Amino acid sequence: DVQDEKGQEAAQRLVDQGYKASYKRLDVVSESDWQRVVA
């Protein structure tokens, strides 16, 4: 997402519950961002 605070909070909440989650900033209109995140 580009909502960094919300994304990080959601990922941490899920991790605290024992789930496997993480957050990465992604501007979905940026081809280089997409390539970076997938890699």
PDB file of all heavy atoms in Angstrom:
ATOM      1  N   ASP A   1       0.869  -1.173   0.000  1.00  0.00           N
ATOM      2  CA  ASP A   1       0.000   0.000   0.000  1.00  0.00           C
ATOM      3  C   ASP A   1       0.906   1.223   0.000  1.00  0.00           C
ATOM      4  O   ASP A   1       2.140   1.095   0.021  1.00  0.00           O
ATOM      5  CB  ASP A   1      -0.892   0.004   1.258  1.00  0.00           C
ATOM      6  CG  ASP A   1      -2.257   0.630   1.016  1.00  0.00           C
ATOM      7  OD1 ASP A   1      -2.289   1.799   0.553  1.00  0.00           O
ATOM      8  OD2 ASP A   1      -3.287  -0.029   1.268  1.00  0.00           O
ATOM      9  N   VAL A   2       0.299   2.402  -0.036  1.00  0.00           N
ATOM     10  CA  VAL A   2       1.040   3.645   0.186  1.00  0.00           C
ATOM     11  C   VAL A   2       0.646   4.250   1.534  1.00  0.00           C
ATOM     12  O   VAL A   2       1.149   5.299   1.911  1.00  0.00           O
ATOM     13  CB  VAL A   2       0.810   4.665  -0.949  1.00  0.00           C
ATOM     14  CG1 VAL A   2       1.452   4.181  -2.240  1.00  0.00           C
ATOM     15  CG2 VAL A   2      -0.672   4.971  -1.152  1.00  0.00           C
ATOM     16  N   GLN A   3      -0.262   3.586   2.243  1.00  0.00           N
ATOM     17  CA  GLN A   3      -0.643   4.009   3.593  1.00  0.00           C
ATOM     18  C   GLN A   3       0.292   3.310   4.581  1.00  0.00           C
ATOM     19  O   GLN A   3      -0.059   2.285   5.169  1.00  0.00           O
ATOM     20  CB  GLN A   3      -2.103   3.639   3.871  1.00  0.00           C
ATOM     21  CG  GLN A   3      -3.105   4.250   2.898  1.00  0.00           C
ATOM     22  CD  GLN A   3      -4.526   3.838   3.228  1.00  0.00           C
ATOM     23  OE1 GLN A   3      -5.219   4.490   4.016  1.00  0.00           O
ATOM     24  NE2 GLN A   3      -4.972   2.736   2.626  1.00  0.00           N
ATOM     25  N   ASP A   4       1.482   3.877   4.731  1.00  0.00           N
ATOM     26  CA  ASP A   4       2.530   3.185   5.474  1.00  0.00           C
ATOM     27  C   ASP A   4       2.137   2.870   6.915  1.00  0.00           C
ATOM     28  O   ASP A   4       2.341   1.742   7.386  1.00  0.00           O
ATOM     29  CB  ASP A   4       3.810   4.012   5.461  1.00  0.00           C
ATOM     30  CG  ASP A   4       4.416   4.140   4.077  1.00  0.00           C
ATOM     31  OD1 ASP A   4       4.177   3.236   3.247  1.00  0.00           O
ATOM     32  OD2 ASP A   4       5.113   5.128   3.810  1.00  0.00           O
ATOM     33  N   GLU A   5       1.588   3.844   7.616  1.00  0.00           N
ATOM     34  CA  GLU A   5       1.274   3.632   9.028  1.00  0.00           C
ATOM     35  C   GLU A   5       0.223   2.542   9.191  1.00  0.00           C
ATOM     36  O   GLU A   5       0.385   1.620  10.004  1.00  0.00           O
ATOM     37  CB  GLU A   5       0.787   4.934   9.670  1.00  0.00           C
ATOM     38  CG  GLU A   5       0.559   4.820  11.167  1.00  0.00           C
ATOM     39  CD  GLU A   5       0.217   6.151  11.817  1.00  0.00           C
ATOM     40  OE1 GLU A   5       0.432   7.200  11.185  1.00  0.00           O
ATOM     41  OE2 GLU A   5      -0.274   6.123  12.963  1.00  0.00           O
ATOM     42  N   LYS A   6      -0.833   2.605   8.391  1.00  0.00           N
ATOM     43  CA  LYS A   6      -1.888   1.585   8.475  1.00  0.00           C
ATOM     44  C   LYS A   6      -1.361   0.208   8.080  1.00  0.00           C
ATOM     45  O   LYS A   6      -1.702  -0.795   8.706  1.00  0.00           O
ATOM     46  CB  LYS A   6      -3.064   1.970   7.582  1.00  0.00           C
ATOM     47  CG  LYS A   6      -3.923   3.104   8.113  1.00  0.00           C
ATOM     48  CD  LYS A   6      -5.131   3.326   7.213  1.00  0.00           C
ATOM     49  CE  LYS A   6      -6.037   4.408   7.775  1.00  0.00           C
ATOM     50  NZ  LYS A   6      -7.230   4.619   6.907  1.00  0.00           N
ATOM     51  N   GLY A   7      -0.544   0.169   7.033  1.00  0.00           N
ATOM     52  CA  GLY A   7      -0.002  -1.109   6.587  1.00  0.00           C
ATOM     53  C   GLY A   7       0.912  -1.742   7.613  1.00  0.00           C
ATOM     54  O   GLY A   7       0.835  -2.955   7.873  1.00  0.00           O
ATOM     55  N   GLN A   8       1.784  -0.941   8.202  1.00  0.00           N
ATOM     56  CA  GLN A   8       2.700  -1.456   9.210  1.00  0.00           C
ATOM     57  C   GLN A   8       1.950  -1.924  10.454  1.00  0.00           C
ATOM     58  O   GLN A   8       2.271  -2.960  11.041  1.00  0.00           O
ATOM     59  CB  GLN A   8       3.720  -0.372   9.562  1.00  0.00           C
ATOM     60  CG  GLN A   8       4.710  -0.101   8.443  1.00  0.00           C
ATOM     61  CD  GLN A   8       5.456   1.222   8.614  1.00  0.00           C
ATOM     62  OE1 GLN A   8       5.182   1.992   9.539  1.00  0.00           O
ATOM     63  NE2 GLN A   8       6.395   1.485   7.720  1.00  0.00           N
ATOM     64  N   GLU A   9       0.929  -1.153  10.835  1.00  0.00           N
ATOM     65  CA  GLU A   9       0.133  -1.528  12.006  1.00  0.00           C
ATOM     66  C   GLU A   9      -0.596  -2.849  11.760  1.00  0.00           C
ATOM     67  O   GLU A   9      -0.660  -3.711  12.646  1.00  0.00           O
ATOM     68  CB  GLU A   9      -0.876  -0.428  12.341  1.00  0.00           C
ATOM     69  CG  GLU A   9      -0.252   0.815  12.947  1.00  0.00           C
ATOM     70  CD  GLU A   9      -1.277   1.907  13.185  1.00  0.00           C
ATOM     71  OE1 GLU A   9      -2.453   1.744  12.772  1.00  0.00           O
ATOM     72  OE2 GLU A   9      -0.904   2.937  13.793  1.00  0.00           O
ATOM     73  N   ALA A  10      -1.158  -3.009  10.570  1.00  0.00           N
ATOM     74  CA  ALA A  10      -1.880  -4.241  10.246  1.00  0.00           C
ATOM     75  C   ALA A  10      -0.941  -5.441  10.267  1.00  0.00           C
ATOM     76  O   ALA A  10      -1.273  -6.495  10.823  1.00  0.00           O
ATOM     77  CB  ALA A  10      -2.547  -4.111   8.883  1.00  0.00           C
ATOM     78  N   ALA A  11       0.229  -5.279   9.674  1.00  0.00           N
ATOM     79  CA  ALA A  11       1.187  -6.385   9.643  1.00  0.00           C
ATOM     80  C   ALA A  11       1.633  -6.757  11.054  1.00  0.00           C
ATOM     81  O   ALA A  11       1.698  -7.951  11.399  1.00  0.00           O
ATOM     82  CB  ALA A  11       2.392  -6.003   8.787  1.00  0.00           C
ATOM     83  N   GLN A  12       1.922  -5.763  11.877  1.00  0.00           N
ATOM     84  CA  GLN A  12       2.374  -6.045  13.242  1.00  0.00           C
ATOM     85  C   GLN A  12       1.275  -6.711  14.057  1.00  0.00           C
ATOM     86  O   GLN A  12       1.541  -7.643  14.832  1.00  0.00           O
ATOM     87  CB  GLN A  12       2.818  -4.755  13.928  1.00  0.00           C
ATOM     88  CG  GLN A  12       3.498  -4.981  15.276  1.00  0.00           C
ATOM     89  CD  GLN A  12       4.721  -5.860  15.169  1.00  0.00           C
ATOM     90  OE1 GLN A  12       5.638  -5.561  14.406  1.00  0.00           O
ATOM     91  NE2 GLN A  12       4.751  -6.973  15.911  1.00  0.00           N
ATOM     92  N   ARG A  13       0.047  -6.271  13.877  1.00  0.00           N
ATOM     93  CA  ARG A  13      -1.076  -6.879  14.599  1.00  0.00           C
ATOM     94  C   ARG A  13      -1.212  -8.358  14.240  1.00  0.00           C
ATOM     95  O   ARG A  13      -1.430  -9.209  15.110  1.00  0.00           O
ATOM     96  CB  ARG A  13      -2.365  -6.119  14.287  1.00  0.00           C
ATOM     97  CG  ARG A  13      -3.625  -6.758  14.869  1.00  0.00           C
ATOM     98  CD  ARG A  13      -4.825  -5.836  14.714  1.00  0.00           C
ATOM     99  NE  ARG A  13      -4.999  -5.367  13.362  1.00  0.00           N
ATOM    100  CZ  ARG A  13      -5.572  -6.066  12.384  1.00  0.00           C
ATOM    101  NH1 ARG A  13      -5.995  -7.298  12.629  1.00  0.00           N
ATOM    102  NH2 ARG A  13      -5.717  -5.558  11.192  1.00  0.00           N
ATOM    103  N   LEU A  14      -1.071  -8.677  12.952  1.00  0.00           N
ATOM    104  CA  LEU A  14      -1.177 -10.068  12.524  1.00  0.00           C
ATOM    105  C   LEU A  14      -0.012 -10.903  13.048  1.00  0.00           C
ATOM    106  O   LEU A  14      -0.196 -12.059  13.475  1.00  0.00           O
ATOM    107  CB  LEU A  14      -1.255 -10.137  11.003  1.00  0.00           C
ATOM    108  CG  LEU A  14      -2.572  -9.624  10.407  1.00  0.00           C
ATOM    109  CD1 LEU A  14      -2.455  -9.449   8.898  1.00  0.00           C
ATOM    110  CD2 LEU A  14      -3.718 -10.568  10.743  1.00  0.00           C
ATOM    111  N   VAL A  15       1.180 -10.332  13.030  1.00  0.00           N
ATOM    112  CA  VAL A  15       2.351 -11.042  13.569  1.00  0.00           C
ATOM    113  C   VAL A  15       2.157 -11.315  15.061  1.00  0.00           C
ATOM    114  O   VAL A  15       2.456 -12.413  15.554  1.00  0.00           O
ATOM    115  CB  VAL A  15       3.637 -10.227  13.322  1.00  0.00           C
ATOM    116  CG1 VAL A  15       4.803 -10.806  14.119  1.00  0.00           C
ATOM    117  CG2 VAL A  15       3.977 -10.215  11.833  1.00  0.00           C
ATOM    118  N   ASP A  16       1.643 -10.324  15.783  1.00  0.00           N
ATOM    119  CA  ASP A  16       1.399 -10.494  17.215  1.00  0.00           C
ATOM    120  C   ASP A  16       0.375 -11.589  17.490  1.00  0.00           C
ATOM    121  O   ASP A  16       0.381 -12.201  18.567  1.00  0.00           O
ATOM    122  CB  ASP A  16       0.908  -9.181  17.828  1.00  0.00           C
ATOM    123  CG  ASP A  16       2.001  -8.105  17.865  1.00  0.00           C
ATOM    124  OD1 ASP A  16       3.184  -8.465  17.696  1.00  0.00           O
ATOM    125  OD2 ASP A  16       1.657  -6.924  18.041  1.00  0.00           O
ATOM    126  N   GLN A  17      -0.494 -11.854  16.512  1.00  0.00           N
ATOM    127  CA  GLN A  17      -1.493 -12.911  16.648  1.00  0.00           C
ATOM    128  C   GLN A  17      -0.949 -14.281  16.210  1.00  0.00           C
ATOM    129  O   GLN A  17      -1.675 -15.274  16.247  1.00  0.00           O
ATOM    130  CB  GLN A  17      -2.730 -12.565  15.805  1.00  0.00           C
ATOM    131  CG  GLN A  17      -3.493 -11.351  16.329  1.00  0.00           C
ATOM    132  CD  GLN A  17      -4.599 -10.899  15.376  1.00  0.00           C
ATOM    133  OE1 GLN A  17      -4.776 -11.468  14.303  1.00  0.00           O
ATOM    134  NE2 GLN A  17      -5.338  -9.879  15.774  1.00  0.00           N
ATOM    135  N   GLY A  18       0.313 -14.285  15.785  1.00  0.00           N
ATOM    136  CA  GLY A  18       0.937 -15.546  15.405  1.00  0.00           C
ATOM    137  C   GLY A  18       0.872 -15.858  13.921  1.00  0.00           C
ATOM    138  O   GLY A  18       1.241 -16.964  13.508  1.00  0.00           O
ATOM    139  N   TYR A  19       0.440 -14.891  13.119  1.00  0.00           N
ATOM    140  CA  TYR A  19       0.334 -15.103  11.683  1.00  0.00           C
ATOM    141  C   TYR A  19       1.587 -14.594  10.968  1.00  0.00           C
ATOM    142  O   TYR A  19       2.432 -13.897  11.549  1.00  0.00           O
ATOM    143  CB  TYR A  19      -0.904 -14.402  11.136  1.00  0.00           C
ATOM    144  CG  TYR A  19      -2.198 -14.888  11.748  1.00  0.00           C
ATOM    145  CD1 TYR A  19      -3.154 -13.982  12.208  1.00  0.00           C
ATOM    146  CD2 TYR A  19      -2.473 -16.244  11.872  1.00  0.00           C
ATOM    147  CE1 TYR A  19      -4.346 -14.415  12.773  1.00  0.00           C
ATOM    148  CE2 TYR A  19      -3.658 -16.691  12.435  1.00  0.00           C
ATOM    149  CZ  TYR A  19      -4.591 -15.764  12.885  1.00  0.00           C
ATOM    150  OH  TYR A  19      -5.762 -16.212  13.435  1.00  0.00           O
ATOM    151  N   LYS A  20       1.685 -14.939   9.677  1.00  0.00           N
ATOM    152  CA  LYS A  20       2.854 -14.560   8.883  1.00  0.00           C
ATOM    153  C   LYS A  20       2.473 -13.408   7.952  1.00  0.00           C
ATOM    154  O   LYS A  20       1.783 -13.621   6.947  1.00  0.00           O
ATOM    155  CB  LYS A  20       3.377 -15.761   8.086  1.00  0.00           C
ATOM    156  CG  LYS A  20       3.937 -16.868   8.960  1.00  0.00           C
ATOM    157  CD  LYS A  20       4.208 -18.127   8.170  1.00  0.00           C
ATOM    158  CE  LYS A  20       2.901 -18.790   7.815  1.00  0.00           C
ATOM    159  NZ  LYS A  20       2.934 -20.245   7.863  1.00  0.00           N
ATOM    160  N   ALA A  21       2.924 -12.220   8.298  1.00  0.00           N
ATOM    161  CA  ALA A  21       2.560 -11.046   7.511  1.00  0.00           C
ATOM    162  C   ALA A  21       3.681 -10.018   7.583  1.00  0.00           C
ATOM    163  O   ALA A  21       4.450  -9.975   8.546  1.00  0.00           O
ATOM    164  CB  ALA A  21       1.260 -10.430   8.021  1.00  0.00           C
ATOM    165  N   SER A  22       3.763  -9.215   6.539  1.00  0.00           N
ATOM    166  CA  SER A  22       4.732  -8.113   6.509  1.00  0.00           C
ATOM    167  C   SER A  22       4.162  -7.007   5.635  1.00  0.00           C
ATOM    168  O   SER A  22       3.155  -7.203   4.950  1.00  0.00           O
ATOM    169  CB  SER A  22       6.081  -8.584   5.967  1.00  0.00           C
ATOM    170  OG  SER A  22       5.931  -9.074   4.635  1.00  0.00           O
ATOM    171  N   TYR A  23       4.799  -5.859   5.679  1.00  0.00           N
ATOM    172  CA  TYR A  23       4.335  -4.709   4.891  1.00  0.00           C
ATOM    173  C   TYR A  23       5.448  -4.194   4.001  1.00  0.00           C
ATOM    174  O   TYR A  23       6.606  -4.105   4.420  1.00  0.00           O
ATOM    175  CB  TYR A  23       3.864  -3.580   5.807  1.00  0.00           C
ATOM    176  CG  TYR A  23       3.549  -2.311   5.034  1.00  0.00           C
ATOM    177  CD1 TYR A  23       2.375  -2.209   4.297  1.00  0.00           C
ATOM    178  CD2 TYR A  23       4.444  -1.232   5.013  1.00  0.00           C
ATOM    179  CE1 TYR A  23       2.086  -1.062   3.564  1.00  0.00           C
ATOM    180  CE2 TYR A  23       4.157  -0.090   4.292  1.00  0.00           C
ATOM    181  CZ  TYR A  23       2.976  -0.007   3.565  1.00  0.00           C
ATOM    182  OH  TYR A  23       2.704   1.124   2.823  1.00  0.00           O
ATOM    183  N   LYS A  24       5.096  -3.859   2.768  1.00  0.00           N
ATOM    184  CA  LYS A  24       6.022  -3.204   1.848  1.00  0.00           C
ATOM    185  C   LYS A  24       5.287  -2.052   1.170  1.00  0.00           C
ATOM    186  O   LYS A  24       4.157  -2.215   0.709  1.00  0.00           O
ATOM    187  CB  LYS A  24       6.535  -4.175   0.781  1.00  0.00           C
ATOM    188  CG  LYS A  24       7.448  -5.260   1.323  1.00  0.00           C
ATOM    189  CD  LYS A  24       8.020  -6.107   0.206  1.00  0.00           C
ATOM    190  CE  LYS A  24       8.884  -7.225   0.777  1.00  0.00           C
ATOM    191  NZ  LYS A  24      10.101  -6.702   1.435  1.00  0.00           N
ATOM    192  N   ARG A  25       5.936  -0.923   1.112  1.00  0.00           N
ATOM    193  CA  ARG A  25       5.354   0.210   0.389  1.00  0.00           C
ATOM    194  C   ARG A  25       5.416  -0.080  -1.109  1.00  0.00           C
ATOM    195  O   ARG A  25       6.452  -0.498  -1.634  1.00  0.00           O
ATOM    196  CB  ARG A  25       6.114   1.496   0.703  1.00  0.00           C
ATOM    197  CG  ARG A  25       5.532   2.720  -0.009  1.00  0.00           C
ATOM    198  CD  ARG A  25       6.268   4.001   0.360  1.00  0.00           C
ATOM    199  NE  ARG A  25       5.701   5.139  -0.355  1.00  0.00           N
ATOM    200  CZ  ARG A  25       4.642   5.829   0.021  1.00  0.00           C
ATOM    201  NH1 ARG A  25       4.025   5.499   1.149  1.00  0.00           N
ATOM    202  NH2 ARG A  25       4.187   6.841  -0.687  1.00  0.00           N
ATOM    203  N   LEU A  26       4.302   0.146  -1.789  1.00  0.00           N
ATOM    204  CA  LEU A  26       4.235  -0.091  -3.227  1.00  0.00           C
ATOM    205  C   LEU A  26       3.339   0.959  -3.870  1.00  0.00           C
ATOM    206  O   LEU A  26       2.145   1.039  -3.563  1.00  0.00           O
ATOM    207  CB  LEU A  26       3.677  -1.490  -3.530  1.00  0.00           C
ATOM    208  CG  LEU A  26       3.308  -1.794  -4.982  1.00  0.00           C
ATOM    209  CD1 LEU A  26       4.530  -1.735  -5.881  1.00  0.00           C
ATOM    210  CD2 LEU A  26       2.629  -3.159  -5.085  1.00  0.00           C
ATOM    211  N   ASP A  27       3.925   1.753  -4.750  1.00  0.00           N
ATOM    212  CA  ASP A  27       3.146   2.654  -5.596  1.00  0.00           C
ATOM    213  C   ASP A  27       2.759   1.845  -6.826  1.00  0.00           C
ATOM    214  O   ASP A  27       3.604   1.543  -7.669  1.00  0.00           O
ATOM    215  CB  ASP A  27       3.989   3.874  -5.984  1.00  0.00           C
ATOM    216  CG  ASP A  27       3.259   4.836  -6.902  1.00  0.00           C
ATOM    217  OD1 ASP A  27       2.127   4.500  -7.338  1.00  0.00           O
ATOM    218  OD2 ASP A  27       3.803   5.907  -7.206  1.00  0.00           O
ATOM    219  N   VAL A  28       1.487   1.492  -6.931  1.00  0.00           N
ATOM    220  CA  VAL A  28       1.076   0.535  -7.961  1.00  0.00           C
ATOM    221  C   VAL A  28       1.161   1.084  -9.383  1.00  0.00           C
ATOM    222  O   VAL A  28       0.996   0.320 -10.341  1.00  0.00           O
ATOM    223  CB  VAL A  28      -0.358   0.006  -7.702  1.00  0.00           C
ATOM    224  CG1 VAL A  28      -0.391  -0.847  -6.442  1.00  0.00           C
ATOM    225  CG2 VAL A  28      -1.367   1.151  -7.634  1.00  0.00           C
ATOM    226  N   VAL A  29       1.435   2.369  -9.540  1.00  0.00           N
ATOM    227  CA  VAL A  29       1.593   2.915 -10.892  1.00  0.00           C
ATOM    228  C   VAL A  29       3.066   2.994 -11.291  1.00  0.00           C
ATOM    229  O   VAL A  29       3.388   3.456 -12.393  1.00  0.00           O
ATOM    230  CB  VAL A  29       0.924   4.302 -11.043  1.00  0.00           C
ATOM    231  CG1 VAL A  29      -0.536   4.216 -10.656  1.00  0.00           C
ATOM    232  CG2 VAL A  29       1.634   5.365 -10.231  1.00  0.00           C
ATOM    233  N   SER A  30       3.946   2.518 -10.409  1.00  0.00           N
ATOM    234  CA  SER A  30       5.382   2.554 -10.673  1.00  0.00           C
ATOM    235  C   SER A  30       5.883   1.176 -11.079  1.00  0.00           C
ATOM    236  O   SER A  30       5.859   0.235 -10.283  1.00  0.00           O
ATOM    237  CB  SER A  30       6.145   3.024  -9.431  1.00  0.00           C
ATOM    238  OG  SER A  30       7.533   2.790  -9.564  1.00  0.00           O
ATOM    239  N   GLU A  31       6.353   1.042 -12.316  1.00  0.00           N
ATOM    240  CA  GLU A  31       6.862  -0.245 -12.780  1.00  0.00           C
ATOM    241  C   GLU A  31       8.084  -0.671 -11.981  1.00  0.00           C
ATOM    242  O   GLU A  31       8.238  -1.853 -11.642  1.00  0.00           O
ATOM    243  CB  GLU A  31       7.193  -0.185 -14.266  1.00  0.00           C
ATOM    244  CG  GLU A  31       7.541  -1.528 -14.868  1.00  0.00           C
ATOM    245  CD  GLU A  31       7.507  -1.532 -16.381  1.00  0.00           C
ATOM    246  OE1 GLU A  31       7.582  -0.445 -16.995  1.00  0.00           O
ATOM    247  OE2 GLU A  31       7.391  -2.633 -16.963  1.00  0.00           O
ATOM    248  N   SER A  32       8.934   0.275 -11.628  1.00  0.00           N
ATOM    249  CA  SER A  32      10.131  -0.074 -10.861  1.00  0.00           C
ATOM    250  C   SER A  32       9.767  -0.520  -9.446  1.00  0.00           C
ATOM    251  O   SER A  32      10.412  -1.418  -8.885  1.00  0.00           O
ATOM    252  CB  SER A  32      11.099   1.113 -10.804  1.00  0.00           C
ATOM    253  OG  SER A  32      10.513   2.233 -10.175  1.00  0.00           O
ATOM    254  N   ASP A  33       8.747   0.082  -8.852  1.00  0.00           N
ATOM    255  CA  ASP A  33       8.281  -0.364  -7.540  1.00  0.00           C
ATOM    256  C   ASP A  33       7.784  -1.807  -7.606  1.00  0.00           C
ATOM    257  O   ASP A  33       8.086  -2.624  -6.733  1.00  0.00           O
ATOM    258  CB  ASP A  33       7.147   0.547  -7.046  1.00  0.00           C
ATOM    259  CG  ASP A  33       7.620   1.582  -6.036  1.00  0.00           C
ATOM    260  OD1 ASP A  33       8.823   1.901  -6.042  1.00  0.00           O
ATOM    261  OD2 ASP A  33       6.787   2.076  -5.253  1.00  0.00           O
ATOM    262  N   TRP A  34       7.017  -2.115  -8.629  1.00  0.00           N
ATOM    263  CA  TRP A  34       6.524  -3.474  -8.806  1.00  0.00           C
ATOM    264  C   TRP A  34       7.678  -4.466  -8.936  1.00  0.00           C
ATOM    265  O   TRP A  34       7.683  -5.527  -8.294  1.00  0.00           O
ATOM    266  CB  TRP A  34       5.624  -3.560 -10.042  1.00  0.00           C
ATOM    267  CG  TRP A  34       4.180  -3.330  -9.765  1.00  0.00           C
ATOM    268  CD1 TRP A  34       3.414  -2.270 -10.146  1.00  0.00           C
ATOM    269  CD2 TRP A  34       3.294  -4.205  -9.049  1.00  0.00           C
ATOM    270  NE1 TRP A  34       2.124  -2.415  -9.715  1.00  0.00           N
ATOM    271  CE2 TRP A  34       2.019  -3.602  -9.043  1.00  0.00           C
ATOM    272  CE3 TRP A  34       3.458  -5.437  -8.417  1.00  0.00           C
ATOM    273  CZ2 TRP A  34       0.916  -4.196  -8.433  1.00  0.00           C
ATOM    274  CZ3 TRP A  34       2.364  -6.028  -7.795  1.00  0.00           C
ATOM    275  CH2 TRP A  34       1.107  -5.407  -7.812  1.00  0.00           C
ATOM    276  N   GLN A  35       8.652  -4.143  -9.753  1.00  0.00           N
ATOM    277  CA  GLN A  35       9.784  -5.040  -9.950  1.00  0.00           C
ATOM    278  C   GLN A  35      10.538  -5.247  -8.644  1.00  0.00           C
ATOM    279  O   GLN A  35      10.951  -6.366  -8.321  1.00  0.00           O
ATOM    280  CB  GLN A  35      10.701  -4.470 -11.035  1.00  0.00           C
ATOM    281  CG  GLN A  35      10.063  -4.485 -12.422  1.00  0.00           C
ATOM    282  CD  GLN A  35      10.826  -3.655 -13.433  1.00  0.00           C
ATOM    283  OE1 GLN A  35      11.668  -2.826 -13.082  1.00  0.00           O
ATOM    284  NE2 GLN A  35      10.530  -3.862 -14.711  1.00  0.00           N
ATOM    285  N   ARG A  36      10.710  -4.168  -7.887  1.00  0.00           N
ATOM    286  CA  ARG A  36      11.413  -4.263  -6.610  1.00  0.00           C
ATOM    287  C   ARG A  36      10.655  -5.148  -5.622  1.00  0.00           C
ATOM    288  O   ARG A  36      11.248  -6.051  -4.996  1.00  0.00           O
ATOM    289  CB  ARG A  36      11.586  -2.864  -6.007  1.00  0.00           C
ATOM    290  CG  ARG A  36      12.125  -2.869  -4.571  1.00  0.00           C
ATOM    291  CD  ARG A  36      12.181  -1.473  -3.973  1.00  0.00           C
ATOM    292  NE  ARG A  36      10.895  -0.796  -3.984  1.00  0.00           N
ATOM    293  CZ  ARG A  36       9.925  -1.013  -3.084  1.00  0.00           C
ATOM    294  NH1 ARG A  36      10.090  -1.908  -2.116  1.00  0.00           N
ATOM    295  NH2 ARG A  36       8.788  -0.339  -3.140  1.00  0.00           N
ATOM    296  N   VAL A  37       9.366  -4.904  -5.464  1.00  0.00           N
ATOM    297  CA  VAL A  37       8.587  -5.651  -4.473  1.00  0.00           C
ATOM    298  C   VAL A  37       8.535  -7.140  -4.809  1.00  0.00           C
ATOM    299  O   VAL A  37       8.744  -7.989  -3.941  1.00  0.00           O
ATOM    300  CB  VAL A  37       7.164  -5.062  -4.346  1.00  0.00           C
ATOM    301  CG1 VAL A  37       6.250  -6.016  -3.570  1.00  0.00           C
ATOM    302  CG2 VAL A  37       7.218  -3.709  -3.649  1.00  0.00           C
ATOM    303  N   VAL A  38       8.276  -7.469  -6.061  1.00  0.00           N
ATOM    304  CA  VAL A  38       8.229  -8.882  -6.446  1.00  0.00           C
ATOM    305  C   VAL A  38       9.584  -9.544  -6.203  1.00  0.00           C
ATOM    306  O   VAL A  38       9.664 -10.659  -5.660  1.00  0.00           O
ATOM    307  CB  VAL A  38       7.787  -9.044  -7.913  1.00  0.00           C
ATOM    308  CG1 VAL A  38       7.974 -10.485  -8.381  1.00  0.00           C
ATOM    309  CG2 VAL A  38       6.328  -8.620  -8.081  1.00  0.00           C
ATOM    310  N   ALA A  39      10.668  -8.863  -6.575  1.00  0.00           N
ATOM    311  CA  ALA A  39      12.006  -9.419  -6.373  1.00  0.00           C
ATOM    312  C   ALA A  39      12.292  -9.628  -4.886  1.00  0.00           C
ATOM    313  O   ALA A  39      12.862 -10.661  -4.490  1.00  0.00           O
ATOM    314  CB  ALA A  39      13.056  -8.504  -6.990  1.00  0.00           C
TER     315      ALA A  39
END
